[in-house]
Protein backbone atom coordinates (compact mmCIF):
# COMPACT_ATOMS: atom_id res chain seq x y z
CA UNK A 1 -0.03 -10.03 16.34
CA UNK A 2 2.54 -7.93 14.48
CA UNK A 3 2.11 -8.01 10.69
CA UNK A 4 4.70 -6.17 8.61
CA UNK A 5 4.69 -6.30 4.82
CA UNK A 6 7.46 -5.54 2.33
CA UNK A 7 5.84 -3.93 -0.73
CA UNK A 8 7.10 -4.54 -4.22
CA UNK A 9 7.60 -0.84 -4.93
CA UNK A 10 10.65 -0.92 -2.65
CA UNK A 11 12.50 -3.18 -5.08
CA UNK A 12 10.68 -3.50 -8.38
CA UNK A 13 13.71 -5.02 -10.08
CA UNK A 14 13.02 -8.23 -8.14
CA UNK A 15 10.57 -10.80 -9.45
CA UNK A 16 7.73 -11.78 -7.11
CA UNK A 17 9.44 -15.02 -5.98
CA UNK A 18 12.67 -13.11 -5.32
CA UNK A 19 10.72 -10.55 -3.30
CA UNK A 20 9.19 -13.31 -1.17
CA UNK A 21 12.62 -14.76 -0.39
CA UNK A 22 14.09 -11.38 0.58
CA UNK A 23 11.09 -10.49 2.75
CA UNK A 24 11.21 -13.84 4.54
CA UNK A 25 14.93 -13.62 5.27
CA UNK A 26 14.52 -10.04 6.54
CA UNK A 27 11.79 -11.10 8.99
CA UNK A 28 8.61 -9.78 7.37
CA UNK A 29 5.28 -11.59 7.66
CA UNK A 30 3.85 -10.48 4.31
CA UNK A 31 4.67 -9.03 0.93
CA UNK A 32 2.84 -6.71 -1.43
CA UNK A 33 3.04 -7.81 -5.05
CA UNK A 34 2.75 -5.53 -8.06
CA UNK A 35 0.71 -7.38 -10.64
CA UNK A 36 -0.65 -4.23 -12.31
CA UNK A 37 1.99 -1.72 -13.51
CA UNK A 38 1.61 1.81 -12.22
CA UNK A 39 3.29 3.61 -15.11
CA UNK A 40 3.62 3.06 -18.87
CA UNK A 41 6.69 1.00 -19.59
CA UNK A 42 6.86 -0.54 -16.14
CA UNK A 43 7.54 -4.26 -16.26
CA UNK A 44 4.57 -6.60 -16.08
CA UNK A 45 5.65 -9.86 -14.47
CA UNK A 46 4.34 -13.05 -16.09
CA UNK A 47 2.02 -13.90 -13.21
CA UNK A 48 -1.34 -14.12 -14.95
CA UNK A 49 -2.43 -17.72 -15.40
CA UNK A 50 -0.56 -20.89 -14.50
CA UNK A 51 2.88 -19.56 -15.40
CA UNK A 52 6.24 -20.84 -14.11
CA UNK A 53 6.74 -17.60 -12.17
CA UNK A 54 3.32 -17.90 -10.53
CA UNK A 55 4.08 -21.48 -9.51
CA UNK A 56 7.48 -20.49 -8.13
CA UNK A 57 5.95 -17.62 -6.16
CA UNK A 58 3.34 -19.93 -4.67
CA UNK A 59 6.05 -22.43 -3.78
CA UNK A 60 8.15 -19.83 -1.99
CA UNK A 61 5.13 -18.47 -0.13
CA UNK A 62 4.36 -21.99 1.06
CA UNK A 63 7.97 -22.70 2.04
CA UNK A 64 8.42 -19.45 3.98
CA UNK A 65 4.94 -19.13 5.47
CA UNK A 66 4.62 -15.57 4.20
CA UNK A 67 1.29 -14.11 3.12
CA UNK A 68 0.37 -11.57 0.47
CA UNK A 69 -1.10 -8.47 2.07
CA UNK A 70 -1.97 -6.52 -1.05
CA UNK A 71 -1.80 -6.32 -4.83
CA UNK A 72 -0.88 -3.07 -6.57
CA UNK A 73 -1.87 -0.88 -8.23
CA UNK A 74 -5.17 -0.01 -9.87
CA UNK A 75 -6.12 3.50 -11.01
CA UNK A 76 -9.78 4.51 -11.20
CA UNK A 77 -10.25 6.90 -14.10
CA UNK A 78 -13.29 8.58 -15.57
CA UNK A 79 -15.14 6.46 -18.12
CA UNK A 80 -13.29 3.24 -17.31
CA UNK A 81 -14.39 -0.12 -15.96
CA UNK A 82 -12.77 -2.51 -13.48
CA UNK A 83 -14.01 -5.55 -15.41
CA UNK A 84 -10.86 -5.89 -17.62
CA UNK A 85 -8.83 -6.51 -14.45
CA UNK A 86 -10.54 -9.85 -13.79
CA UNK A 87 -7.50 -11.94 -14.87
CA UNK A 88 -5.30 -9.91 -12.53
CA UNK A 89 -7.78 -10.35 -9.70
CA UNK A 90 -7.88 -14.09 -10.34
CA UNK A 91 -4.09 -14.13 -9.96
CA UNK A 92 -4.38 -12.06 -6.77
CA UNK A 93 -6.86 -14.53 -5.30
CA UNK A 94 -4.62 -17.44 -6.23
CA UNK A 95 -1.78 -15.80 -4.29
CA UNK A 96 -4.07 -15.55 -1.26
CA UNK A 97 -4.03 -11.76 -1.27
CA UNK A 98 -6.39 -9.90 1.04
CA UNK A 99 -6.43 -6.42 -0.47
CA UNK A 100 -6.23 -4.52 -3.73
CA UNK A 101 -4.78 -1.02 -3.70
CA UNK A 102 -6.36 1.61 -5.91
CA UNK A 103 -6.02 5.34 -6.43
CA UNK A 104 -8.55 7.71 -7.92
CA UNK A 105 -8.07 10.40 -10.54
CA UNK A 106 -11.73 11.35 -10.86
CA UNK A 107 -12.76 14.87 -9.89
CA UNK A 108 -16.52 14.23 -9.94
CA UNK A 109 -17.40 12.52 -6.66
CA UNK A 110 -20.67 11.06 -7.92
CA UNK A 111 -18.85 9.32 -10.76
CA UNK A 112 -16.08 8.26 -8.36
CA UNK A 113 -18.63 6.68 -6.02
CA UNK A 114 -20.25 4.77 -8.88
CA UNK A 115 -16.92 3.55 -10.27
CA UNK A 116 -15.60 2.56 -6.86
CA UNK A 117 -18.80 0.65 -6.08
CA UNK A 118 -18.61 -1.19 -9.40
CA UNK A 119 -14.95 -2.00 -8.75
CA UNK A 120 -15.85 -3.41 -5.34
CA UNK A 121 -18.44 -5.64 -6.97
CA UNK A 122 -15.86 -7.09 -9.37
CA UNK A 123 -13.33 -7.58 -6.55
CA UNK A 124 -15.96 -9.31 -4.41
CA UNK A 125 -16.19 -12.06 -7.03
CA UNK A 126 -12.66 -13.02 -5.96
CA UNK A 127 -13.02 -12.41 -2.22
CA UNK A 128 -10.88 -9.26 -2.32
CA UNK A 129 -11.21 -5.92 -0.57
CA UNK A 130 -10.47 -2.68 -2.42
CA UNK A 131 -8.60 0.05 -0.56
CA UNK A 132 -8.79 3.58 -1.95
CA UNK A 133 -5.59 5.55 -1.36
CA UNK A 134 -5.79 9.34 -1.41
CA UNK A 135 -2.83 11.30 -2.82
CA UNK A 136 -2.53 15.10 -2.70
CA UNK A 137 -1.26 14.92 -6.30
CA UNK A 138 -4.43 13.29 -7.72
CA UNK A 139 -8.11 14.20 -7.86
CA UNK A 140 -8.95 11.98 -4.86
CA UNK A 141 -6.62 14.05 -2.74
CA UNK A 142 -7.87 14.00 0.85
CA UNK A 143 -8.97 11.61 3.54
CA UNK A 144 -12.38 13.31 3.71
CA UNK A 145 -12.96 12.80 -0.03
CA UNK A 146 -11.85 9.17 0.12
CA UNK A 147 -14.14 8.56 3.07
CA UNK A 148 -17.10 10.11 1.24
CA UNK A 149 -16.45 7.91 -1.81
CA UNK A 150 -16.11 4.69 0.19
CA UNK A 151 -19.13 5.50 2.36
CA UNK A 152 -21.17 6.53 -0.66
CA UNK A 153 -20.39 3.29 -2.46
CA UNK A 154 -21.60 1.35 0.58
CA UNK A 155 -19.81 -1.92 -0.20
CA UNK A 156 -18.63 -4.21 2.59
CA UNK A 157 -15.31 -4.78 0.83
CA UNK A 158 -14.60 -1.09 0.30
CA UNK A 159 -11.96 0.60 2.46
CA UNK A 160 -9.43 3.44 2.67
CA UNK A 161 -5.67 2.91 2.66
CA UNK A 162 -3.71 5.28 4.88
CA UNK A 163 -0.22 6.21 3.66
CA UNK A 164 1.49 8.41 6.25
CA UNK A 165 3.44 10.21 3.50
CA UNK A 166 0.22 11.42 1.88
CA UNK A 167 -1.38 12.12 5.25
CA UNK A 168 1.48 14.46 6.08
CA UNK A 169 1.86 16.11 2.70
CA UNK A 170 -1.87 16.47 2.30
CA UNK A 171 -2.12 18.41 5.57
CA UNK A 172 -4.35 15.85 7.27
CA UNK A 173 -4.70 16.13 11.04
CA UNK A 174 -4.35 13.64 13.83
CA UNK A 175 -7.87 14.57 14.90
CA UNK A 176 -9.26 13.61 11.48
CA UNK A 177 -7.58 10.22 11.69
CA UNK A 178 -8.85 9.68 15.21
CA UNK A 179 -12.41 10.48 14.09
CA UNK A 180 -12.26 8.19 11.05
CA UNK A 181 -14.81 5.42 10.63
CA UNK A 182 -12.88 2.36 11.81
CA UNK A 183 -14.78 0.09 9.42
CA UNK A 184 -12.97 1.68 6.50
CA UNK A 185 -9.38 1.26 7.64
CA UNK A 186 -7.91 -2.21 7.06
CA UNK A 187 -4.16 -1.55 6.75
CA UNK A 188 -1.68 1.29 6.33
CA UNK A 189 1.62 2.27 4.74
CA UNK A 190 4.43 3.82 6.75
CA UNK A 191 7.53 5.74 5.69
CA UNK A 192 9.30 8.98 6.46
CA UNK A 193 10.18 11.97 4.29
CA UNK A 194 11.78 15.36 4.09
CA UNK A 195 9.75 18.57 4.27
CA UNK A 196 7.09 18.83 1.53
CA UNK A 197 8.48 19.82 -1.90
CA UNK A 198 7.00 22.78 -3.77
CA UNK A 199 5.30 20.96 -6.64
CA UNK A 200 3.38 17.81 -7.46
CA UNK A 201 5.93 16.52 -9.96
CA UNK A 202 8.58 16.41 -7.24
CA UNK A 203 6.07 14.84 -4.85
CA UNK A 204 5.45 12.04 -7.34
CA UNK A 205 9.17 11.47 -7.81
CA UNK A 206 9.86 11.37 -4.08
CA UNK A 207 6.89 9.10 -3.39
CA UNK A 208 8.22 6.56 -5.89
CA UNK A 209 12.00 6.87 -5.55
CA UNK A 210 13.06 8.90 -2.51
CA UNK A 211 11.18 8.06 0.66
CA UNK A 212 12.99 7.74 3.98
CA UNK A 213 13.04 5.04 6.62
CA UNK A 214 10.78 5.62 9.66
CA UNK A 215 12.54 7.99 12.03
CA UNK A 216 14.68 9.60 9.31
CA UNK A 217 12.44 12.52 8.41
CA UNK A 218 9.78 14.96 9.53
CA UNK A 219 6.60 12.83 9.44
CA UNK A 220 5.03 12.46 12.92
CA UNK A 221 4.37 8.75 12.39
CA UNK A 222 3.97 8.03 16.10
CA UNK A 223 1.13 10.55 16.33
CA UNK A 224 -0.57 9.19 13.22
CA UNK A 225 -0.34 5.55 14.25
CA UNK A 226 -1.51 6.29 17.78
CA UNK A 227 -4.65 7.87 16.30
CA UNK A 228 -5.48 4.78 14.20
CA UNK A 229 -6.85 1.39 15.30
CA UNK A 230 -4.30 -0.84 16.98
CA UNK A 231 -2.99 -3.96 15.31
CA UNK A 232 -3.40 -2.89 11.68
CA UNK A 233 -1.12 -4.62 9.18
CA UNK A 234 1.66 -2.24 8.17
CA UNK A 235 3.20 -2.05 4.73
CA UNK A 236 6.67 -0.48 5.05
CA UNK A 237 6.62 1.54 1.84
CA UNK A 238 10.06 3.12 1.72
CA UNK A 239 11.28 3.09 -1.91
CA UNK A 240 14.67 4.78 -2.10
CA UNK A 241 16.69 3.97 -5.19
CA UNK A 242 19.96 5.43 -3.86
CA UNK A 243 19.83 3.52 -0.59
CA UNK A 244 18.75 0.30 -2.31
CA UNK A 245 21.73 0.49 -4.67
CA UNK A 246 24.03 1.16 -1.72
CA UNK A 247 22.78 -1.61 0.59
CA UNK A 248 21.33 -4.26 -1.69
CA UNK A 249 17.83 -5.77 -1.29
CA UNK A 250 18.35 -7.85 1.86
CA UNK A 251 20.14 -5.23 3.95
CA UNK A 252 17.64 -2.63 2.73
CA UNK A 253 14.71 -4.83 3.79
CA UNK A 254 16.27 -5.52 7.19
CA UNK A 255 16.76 -1.79 7.77
CA UNK A 256 13.14 -1.10 6.80
CA UNK A 257 11.92 -3.69 9.28
CA UNK A 258 14.20 -2.55 12.10
CA UNK A 259 13.30 1.13 11.81
CA UNK A 260 9.60 0.28 11.75
CA UNK A 261 9.96 -1.87 14.85
CA UNK A 262 11.80 1.03 16.53
CA UNK A 263 8.85 3.28 15.67
CA UNK A 264 6.34 0.81 17.12
CA UNK A 265 8.45 0.29 20.25
CA UNK A 266 8.52 4.05 20.76
CA UNK A 267 4.74 4.25 20.51
CA UNK A 268 4.37 1.44 23.04
CA UNK A 269 6.79 3.12 25.46
CA UNK A 270 4.99 6.43 25.11
CA UNK A 271 1.64 4.81 25.77
CA UNK A 272 2.88 3.04 28.87
CA UNK A 273 4.60 6.16 30.12
């Protein structure tokens, strides 16, 4: 069954209940909610505890039938603990989320394995899986490294999140994706992009503000998706501030869904052919 999710990063100016309404009207099955800010100064929505916004979000989820695919975004850093996130994880569980998304900025793999395992243990208290996303701009910068960390931690709720932008810009191969341990891949993010920029600062900027819709760039998404397990939930992570301003949230979300469906239809036609 097709499961497309509209992640909060695409339109962070919307509150969680507003995001749910836009995603439902655009035809998505799920949303991704940002309960944990990614950058200093980023807005933290009042969703921790029994707040009016939490109640309104739950009401709109119930009314629309949408689910919450994932909660963003948690950064594993050297010398830190996942325990302070318990209130956020409690809110995630209340929303019915399945996954937490985390990135790693820890160069020492032994420490990364220990921290990821401990994070999995905290998440397990709330019935949540933790998905480690590799980014070529951070210390956990490759699929192979992410796989070693998740395998080394050995937790049933530990997984790897595949973002086709970072797969492409990190120089990962279709063969590596095809050989991946299927137990570790629970969902993926899809977008398109221009050719890789020359520096990590520009990569960060483009990843957050200037991604392209599937089919409007150079990423071989069809090859990547064909190498991964079928039927994975897909988060359409296409933040593009210029296009969002031009179209507005609903038209933007509808375009994201349509271009992703076009991508999936193309893969199906290629497989049958």
